[in-house]
Protein backbone atom coordinates (compact mmCIF):
# COMPACT_ATOMS: atom_id res chain seq x y z
CA MET A 1 -0.12 13.85 -15.30
CA GLY A 2 -2.97 13.28 -17.54
CA SER A 3 -1.04 14.38 -20.42
CA TYR A 4 1.59 11.79 -19.75
CA ILE A 5 -1.11 9.03 -19.79
CA ASP A 6 -2.30 10.54 -23.14
CA THR A 7 0.91 10.31 -24.48
CA ALA A 8 1.33 6.57 -23.25
CA ARG A 9 -1.95 5.67 -24.58
CA GLN A 10 -1.45 6.94 -28.20
CA HIS A 11 2.13 5.60 -28.61
CA ILE A 12 2.04 2.41 -26.70
CA GLN A 13 2.27 0.35 -29.77
CA ALA A 14 5.29 2.54 -31.24
CA ILE A 15 6.84 1.98 -27.80
CA VAL A 16 6.33 -1.78 -27.82
CA ASP A 17 7.47 -2.09 -31.97
CA GLU A 18 10.74 0.12 -31.28
CA ILE A 19 11.68 -1.82 -28.37
CA VAL A 20 11.25 -5.35 -30.33
CA THR A 21 12.85 -4.30 -33.63
CA SER A 22 15.95 -2.75 -31.92
CA SER A 23 16.62 -5.44 -29.29
CA ASN A 24 14.79 -8.45 -30.85
CA THR A 25 12.98 -9.49 -27.82
CA THR A 26 9.62 -10.07 -26.54
CA VAL A 27 7.90 -7.36 -24.28
CA ARG A 28 5.15 -7.93 -21.55
CA LEU A 29 3.65 -4.91 -20.16
CA ALA A 30 2.06 -4.07 -16.65
CA LEU A 31 0.35 -0.82 -15.49
CA ILE A 32 -0.05 0.28 -11.74
CA GLU A 33 -2.13 3.58 -11.37
CA TYR A 34 -1.74 5.10 -8.09
CA ARG A 35 -3.52 8.16 -6.50
CA ASP A 36 -3.67 8.77 -2.75
CA HIS A 37 -5.03 7.25 0.58
CA PRO A 38 -8.39 8.50 1.81
CA PRO A 39 -9.52 11.16 2.82
CA GLN A 40 -7.27 12.86 0.30
CA ASP A 41 -8.52 10.56 -2.18
CA ASN A 42 -11.71 8.44 -2.08
CA THR A 43 -11.55 6.77 -5.40
CA PHE A 44 -8.66 4.30 -5.12
CA VAL A 45 -5.01 4.06 -3.93
CA THR A 46 -3.72 1.65 -6.58
CA LYS A 47 -5.05 -0.21 -9.57
CA THR A 48 -2.87 -2.97 -10.74
CA TYR A 49 -3.14 -4.44 -14.40
CA ASN A 50 -0.41 -7.57 -13.98
CA PHE A 51 1.46 -8.49 -17.23
CA THR A 52 0.31 -9.04 -20.88
CA ASP A 53 1.96 -9.61 -24.33
CA SER A 54 -1.28 -7.71 -25.72
CA VAL A 55 -0.72 -4.15 -26.73
CA PHE A 56 -4.51 -3.93 -27.29
CA LYS A 57 -4.91 -4.85 -23.39
CA MET A 58 -2.64 -2.03 -22.36
CA LYS A 59 -4.50 0.40 -24.41
CA ILE A 60 -7.71 -0.36 -22.83
CA TRP A 61 -6.15 0.10 -19.33
CA LEU A 62 -4.58 3.22 -20.39
CA ASN A 63 -8.06 4.36 -22.06
CA ALA A 64 -9.65 3.73 -18.70
CA ALA A 65 -6.85 5.79 -16.51
CA ARG A 66 -7.72 9.20 -15.56
CA ALA A 67 -5.71 11.83 -13.51
CA THR A 68 -7.69 13.21 -10.67
CA GLY A 69 -6.49 15.91 -8.01
CA GLY A 70 -5.07 15.05 -4.92
CA GLY A 71 -5.63 16.80 -1.59
CA ASP A 72 -2.33 17.84 0.12
CA GLY A 73 0.54 17.08 -2.36
CA PRO A 74 2.19 13.68 -1.32
CA GLU A 75 0.75 10.82 -3.22
CA ALA A 76 0.85 7.04 -2.51
CA VAL A 77 4.25 6.23 -4.20
CA ALA A 78 4.93 3.43 -1.73
CA GLU A 79 1.91 1.60 -2.55
CA ALA A 80 2.64 1.80 -6.22
CA LEU A 81 6.21 0.51 -5.64
CA PHE A 82 4.76 -2.15 -3.31
CA LYS A 83 2.55 -3.77 -6.08
CA ALA A 84 5.40 -3.83 -8.67
CA THR A 85 6.97 -6.26 -6.28
CA LYS A 86 3.72 -8.48 -6.60
CA LEU A 87 3.70 -8.51 -10.23
CA SER A 88 4.60 -11.79 -12.05
CA TRP A 89 7.89 -11.20 -13.29
CA ARG A 90 9.50 -13.89 -15.14
CA PRO A 91 12.67 -15.01 -13.44
CA GLU A 92 14.79 -14.88 -16.92
CA ALA A 93 13.75 -11.66 -18.18
CA THR A 94 15.14 -8.21 -18.20
CA LYS A 95 12.97 -6.61 -15.84
CA ILE A 96 12.23 -2.68 -15.82
CA THR A 97 9.80 -0.50 -13.86
CA VAL A 98 9.28 3.37 -14.93
CA LEU A 99 8.01 5.47 -12.12
CA ILE A 100 6.38 8.44 -13.39
CA SER A 101 5.62 11.02 -10.77
CA ASP A 102 5.11 14.69 -10.12
CA ALA A 103 4.65 14.33 -6.26
CA PRO A 104 6.77 13.03 -3.43
CA PRO A 105 5.76 10.26 -1.33
CA HIS A 106 3.83 10.49 1.99
CA GLY A 107 6.75 11.09 4.94
CA LEU A 108 9.23 12.95 3.14
CA VAL A 109 8.48 16.57 4.15
CA PRO A 110 6.19 16.36 7.05
CA SER A 111 5.46 19.97 7.05
CA GLN A 112 3.93 19.45 3.54
CA ASP A 113 1.88 16.50 4.51
CA SER A 114 -1.16 17.30 6.44
CA SER A 115 -2.46 13.62 6.21
CA PHE A 116 0.38 11.19 6.81
CA PRO A 117 3.45 13.31 7.64
CA ASN A 118 5.15 10.17 9.40
CA GLY A 119 4.88 7.98 5.91
CA SER A 120 2.37 5.59 4.48
CA PRO A 121 -0.54 4.42 6.77
CA THR A 122 0.06 0.87 5.26
CA GLY A 123 3.54 0.84 6.88
CA HIS A 124 5.05 0.39 3.38
CA ASP A 125 8.52 2.06 3.12
CA PRO A 126 9.74 3.02 -0.14
CA MET A 127 13.60 2.64 1.00
CA LYS A 128 12.88 -1.04 1.74
CA ILE A 129 10.58 -1.73 -1.38
CA VAL A 130 13.17 -0.25 -3.63
CA ARG A 131 15.77 -2.73 -2.17
CA ASP A 132 13.30 -5.72 -2.60
CA LEU A 133 12.97 -4.87 -6.33
CA ALA A 134 16.71 -4.58 -6.87
CA GLN A 135 16.79 -8.09 -4.99
CA MET A 136 14.38 -9.54 -7.37
CA GLY A 137 16.63 -8.05 -10.38
CA VAL A 138 14.09 -5.14 -11.33
CA THR A 139 15.64 -1.85 -12.50
CA LEU A 140 13.89 1.18 -11.50
CA TYR A 141 13.85 4.27 -13.73
CA VAL A 142 12.10 7.62 -12.51
CA ILE A 143 10.56 9.97 -14.75
CA GLY A 144 10.75 13.07 -13.07
CA CYS A 145 7.71 15.55 -14.16
CA GLU A 146 9.95 18.89 -13.88
CA PRO A 147 9.75 21.49 -12.70
CA ALA A 148 7.22 20.23 -9.98
CA ILE A 149 9.24 17.14 -8.87
CA LEU A 150 12.53 19.34 -8.50
CA PRO A 151 12.37 19.95 -4.74
CA TYR A 152 12.32 16.03 -4.20
CA LYS A 153 14.64 15.24 -6.67
CA ASP A 154 17.54 13.94 -4.63
CA PHE A 155 14.99 11.58 -3.11
CA PHE A 156 13.61 10.02 -6.26
CA MET A 157 17.51 9.76 -7.40
CA ALA A 158 18.35 7.83 -4.28
CA LEU A 159 15.54 5.32 -4.98
CA ASP A 160 16.70 4.74 -8.88
CA TYR A 161 19.90 4.58 -7.65
CA LEU A 162 19.16 1.58 -5.21
CA ALA A 163 17.67 -0.57 -7.94
CA GLY A 164 20.34 0.32 -10.73
CA GLY A 165 18.32 2.74 -12.55
CA GLN A 166 18.22 6.21 -13.71
CA TYR A 167 16.66 9.58 -13.03
CA VAL A 168 15.15 11.21 -16.12
CA PRO A 169 13.98 14.66 -16.30
CA LEU A 170 11.03 15.28 -18.24
CA SER A 171 9.04 18.62 -18.94
CA ARG A 172 7.19 17.88 -21.95
CA PRO A 173 4.97 14.67 -22.09
CA GLU A 174 5.61 13.94 -26.02
CA LEU A 175 9.15 12.94 -25.02
CA LEU A 176 7.90 10.15 -22.90
CA VAL A 177 8.03 7.67 -25.96
CA ASP A 178 11.81 8.35 -26.45
CA VAL A 179 12.55 8.19 -23.00
CA ILE A 180 10.74 4.78 -22.32
CA THR A 181 11.99 3.17 -25.57
CA GLY A 182 15.54 4.47 -25.02
CA GLY A 183 15.84 3.34 -21.46
CA ALA A 184 14.49 -0.08 -22.15
CA GLN A 185 16.91 -0.38 -25.00
CA GLU A 186 20.01 0.58 -22.47
CA GLU A 187 18.72 -1.86 -20.19
CA LEU A 188 18.22 -4.89 -22.59
CA SER A 189 21.89 -3.85 -23.93
CA ILE A 190 23.77 -4.13 -20.30
CA GLN A 191 21.85 -6.91 -18.67
CA LYS A 192 24.10 -9.39 -20.55
CA PHE A 193 26.87 -8.07 -18.17
CA ASP A 194 25.01 -9.15 -15.27
CA LYS A 195 26.65 -12.50 -14.71
CA LEU A 196 30.14 -11.06 -14.90
CA VAL A 197 29.00 -8.44 -12.24
CA GLN A 198 27.56 -11.00 -10.02
CA ALA A 199 30.66 -13.30 -10.21
CA GLU A 200 33.01 -10.36 -9.28
CA VAL A 201 30.55 -9.56 -6.32
CA GLN A 202 30.45 -13.30 -5.09
CA LYS A 203 34.34 -13.09 -5.47
CA ALA A 204 34.54 -10.22 -3.00
CA ILE A 205 32.25 -11.46 -0.48
CA ALA A 206 34.12 -14.65 -0.33
CA ALA A 207 37.40 -12.72 0.27
CA GLY A 208 35.83 -11.34 3.34
CA GLY A 209 36.42 -8.15 4.92
CA PRO A 210 34.95 -4.65 3.86
CA ILE A 211 33.30 -4.64 0.26
CA ASN A 212 34.59 -2.13 -1.99
CA LYS A 213 31.83 -1.42 -4.80
CA GLU A 214 34.14 1.19 -6.72
CA LYS A 215 36.91 -1.26 -6.90
CA ILE A 216 34.57 -4.27 -8.05
CA SER A 217 33.22 -1.79 -10.43
CA GLN A 218 36.71 -0.97 -12.01
CA THR A 219 37.61 -4.33 -12.25
CA VAL A 220 34.52 -5.37 -14.15
CA TYR A 221 34.90 -2.27 -16.43
CA ASN A 222 38.40 -2.92 -17.26
CA GLU A 223 37.49 -6.48 -18.25
CA LEU A 224 34.71 -5.27 -20.39
CA VAL A 225 36.51 -2.30 -22.10
CA ASN A 226 39.57 -5.07 -23.07
CA SER A 227 37.03 -7.07 -24.47
CA GLY A 228 35.45 -4.54 -26.52
CA ALA A 229 32.22 -4.48 -24.87
CA THR A 230 29.57 -2.02 -26.01
CA SER A 231 26.00 -1.01 -25.08
CA THR A 232 23.12 1.42 -25.58
CA HIS A 233 23.35 4.96 -24.04
CA LEU A 234 20.09 6.96 -23.15
CA LEU A 235 21.19 10.58 -24.14
CA LEU A 236 19.77 14.00 -23.50
CA ASN A 237 20.74 16.36 -25.95
CA ASN A 238 23.38 14.20 -26.96
CA ALA A 239 25.19 14.07 -23.47
CA THR A 240 24.69 11.59 -20.84
CA LEU A 241 21.97 12.01 -18.32
CA GLU A 242 23.01 13.60 -14.93
CA GLY A 243 24.74 11.17 -12.47
CA THR A 244 23.36 10.53 -9.03
CA THR A 245 24.15 13.54 -6.55
CA ASP A 246 25.97 13.17 -3.43
CA ALA A 247 23.09 14.13 -1.69
CA ALA A 248 20.95 11.13 -3.30
CA LYS A 249 23.86 8.95 -2.47
CA GLN A 250 23.65 9.58 1.03
CA LEU A 251 20.06 8.98 1.15
CA ALA A 252 20.24 5.84 -0.54
CA SER A 253 22.31 4.78 2.58
CA ALA A 254 19.26 5.16 4.73
CA THR A 255 17.02 2.09 5.56
CA SER A 256 13.88 3.65 6.19
CA MET A 257 11.74 6.95 5.48
CA ALA A 258 12.68 7.82 9.05
CA GLU A 259 16.06 8.04 8.41
CA VAL A 260 15.79 9.87 5.27
CA ARG A 261 14.00 12.45 6.97
CA LEU A 262 16.98 13.24 9.21
CA HIS A 263 19.09 14.13 6.11
CA PHE A 264 16.74 15.23 3.53
CA HIS A 265 16.75 18.84 2.31
CA MET A 266 14.32 20.13 -0.15
CA ALA A 267 16.13 21.48 -3.23
CA THR A 268 15.95 25.11 -3.55
CA VAL A 269 14.10 26.05 -6.76
CA LYS A 270 14.14 29.43 -8.32
CA PRO A 271 10.62 30.64 -8.75
CA PHE A 272 9.59 31.58 -12.23
CA ILE A 273 6.32 32.70 -13.49
CA TYR A 274 5.22 32.88 -17.17
CA PRO A 275 2.34 35.49 -17.57
CA THR A 276 0.55 33.33 -20.53
CA TYR A 277 -0.98 29.95 -20.30
CA ILE A 278 -2.92 29.10 -23.44
CA ARG A 279 -5.20 26.15 -23.31
CA GLY A 280 -3.84 23.36 -25.59
CA THR A 281 -0.43 24.41 -25.80
CA TYR A 282 2.59 23.67 -23.96
CA ALA A 283 4.01 25.94 -21.32
CA PRO A 284 6.69 25.09 -18.75
CA LEU A 285 5.31 24.45 -15.14
CA PRO A 286 5.72 26.86 -12.57
CA THR A 287 7.06 26.33 -9.10
CA TYR A 288 6.59 28.62 -6.06
CA PRO A 289 8.66 29.12 -2.69
CA PRO A 290 7.01 27.96 0.65
CA GLY A 291 4.17 30.41 1.30
CA PHE A 292 3.56 31.90 -2.19
CA THR A 293 -0.05 31.31 -2.93
CA GLY A 294 0.11 32.15 -6.62
CA PRO A 295 0.55 34.99 -9.29
CA THR A 296 -1.71 38.03 -9.29
CA PHE A 297 -2.60 39.77 -12.52
CA PRO A 298 -4.01 43.40 -13.19
CA PRO A 299 -7.79 43.46 -13.87
CA GLY A 300 -8.57 41.81 -17.35
CA ARG A 301 -5.12 40.03 -17.74
CA ALA A 302 -5.99 36.75 -15.99
CA PRO A 303 -4.36 33.88 -17.66
CA THR A 304 -5.75 31.05 -19.20
CA LEU A 305 -3.83 28.01 -17.56
CA SER A 306 -2.16 25.21 -19.54
CA PRO A 307 -3.92 21.75 -18.85
CA TYR A 308 -0.02 20.96 -17.99
CA MET A 309 0.31 23.35 -15.00
CA PRO A 310 -0.31 21.44 -11.52
CA PHE A 311 -2.62 22.67 -9.13
CA ARG A 312 -1.02 24.02 -6.06
CA PRO A 313 -2.90 24.13 -2.77
CA GLY A 314 -3.91 27.91 -2.05
CA MET A 315 -3.85 28.94 -5.63
CA THR A 316 -6.72 30.82 -7.17
CA TYR A 317 -7.88 30.65 -10.70
CA PRO A 318 -10.01 33.47 -12.16
CA PRO A 319 -13.70 32.21 -13.34
CA GLY A 320 -13.84 30.27 -16.39
CA THR A 321 -9.96 29.32 -16.48
CA TYR A 322 -8.87 25.65 -16.39
CA LYS A 323 -8.04 24.11 -13.01
CA PRO A 324 -6.20 20.97 -13.44
CA GLY A 325 -5.62 18.67 -10.68
CA LEU A 326 -2.41 17.26 -9.11
CA GLY A 327 -2.55 14.12 -11.34
CA THR A 328 -2.78 10.28 -11.12
CA GLY A 329 0.91 8.93 -10.72
CA THR A 330 1.72 5.96 -13.35
CA LEU A 331 4.05 3.08 -12.67
CA THR A 332 4.70 0.93 -15.59
CA GLY A 333 6.43 -2.47 -15.47
CA SER A 334 8.04 -4.05 -18.56
CA GLY A 335 8.88 -7.46 -18.52
CA GLY A 336 11.23 -8.03 -21.30
CA SER A 337 20.24 19.00 -8.12
CA SER A 338 19.03 19.51 -12.03
CA SER A 339 19.89 20.92 -15.54
CA GLY A 340 16.33 20.47 -16.06
CA THR A 341 14.69 20.11 -19.49
CA GLY A 342 13.30 22.59 -21.91
CA THR A 343 11.11 23.13 -24.96
CA GLY A 344 14.07 22.41 -27.27
CA ASP A 345 15.27 18.89 -25.64
CA THR A 346 15.72 15.72 -27.46
CA TYR A 347 16.24 12.21 -26.03
CA SER A 348 17.94 9.68 -28.22
CA ALA A 349 19.51 6.16 -28.01
CA VAL A 350 23.11 5.68 -29.31
CA HIS A 351 25.40 2.51 -29.18
CA SER A 352 29.02 2.93 -28.04
CA GLY A 353 31.53 1.54 -25.64
CA ILE A 354 30.22 0.30 -22.11
CA SER A 355 30.34 3.01 -19.64
CA ILE A 356 31.51 3.00 -15.90
CA ASP A 357 28.43 4.66 -15.05
CA GLN A 358 26.48 1.51 -16.61
CA VAL A 359 28.67 -1.02 -14.64
CA ASP A 360 28.40 1.09 -11.22
CA ARG A 361 24.57 0.70 -11.66
CA LEU A 362 24.81 -3.10 -12.12
CA VAL A 363 27.14 -3.35 -9.24
CA GLN A 364 24.73 -1.23 -7.04
CA LYS A 365 21.67 -3.21 -8.06
CA ALA A 366 23.63 -6.30 -7.21
CA PHE A 367 23.89 -5.36 -3.51
CA GLY A 368 20.44 -3.82 -3.35
């Protein structure tokens, strides 16, 4: 995770400048660092830096941020999301929260959680919190550090689905700038349609009977298309991002982590091993099936591990090689199954006609 913090630190001015220039808006920034609960991490659980319009302050916060190793894998995701609900959001602003994660929350997979298998010790529940964010008008984007996050992808997709956002796969930290700026541009471009969505939602509620979200979306979409409405789209390799999976939508219907556990199944990720990791250069992250304790190498052929390779409990490292930690998740708030990503991937933001998926997201967020 440290590499993602470094990228944000180096390019925060470029991120803000791009959003301001492309959208003609002001930007306020907030930062929430999160780690884990004691005894897995005894430094801090979360650190909150509330909104500022000073890029200089944000740089100071990011300069102080450090990624450290956790103990058992899961991290204090619930606490980070909860802290996001306590930020000083401006009522009239376009509200976007970007959750960057390489590990699941506590309580998702009890067999992998030696400390808090039933969920956060504070009682904070991600399923409730993201609904609170949606009711506050906050859109949640999840940037999944792949492939480490792939087994839990459907769960994170469920979170961003509830808050009207998108899941964005990322395997190279240098792409973070394009993802954040492109995502912000897209959300700013579609928020102007929110009043139309809200009006259609209220009309459906007033009519009584079962609520048909698909019908609401189609009605709004048809009206926007007929009016020639356009928006910005965040693209991966010139294609739209993967939509919410059926499994993620099923999880999104749950109201608590306890209910999520009844339906959640870890995605099966084909293990892959890259025999050489050179310090200071990028190499894709390997993942291993349950019970696998890491690769073995002939005498004298031990690799030097990339700083982007996450630590896995049970893995051993030859003397003198770099042993990275699981990392600190970073959640930033801005006021104003998988195809994965690879070394040749690019993100871009393009302007074209409004899409039904964008309308669906606005409708979903309206209901929370």
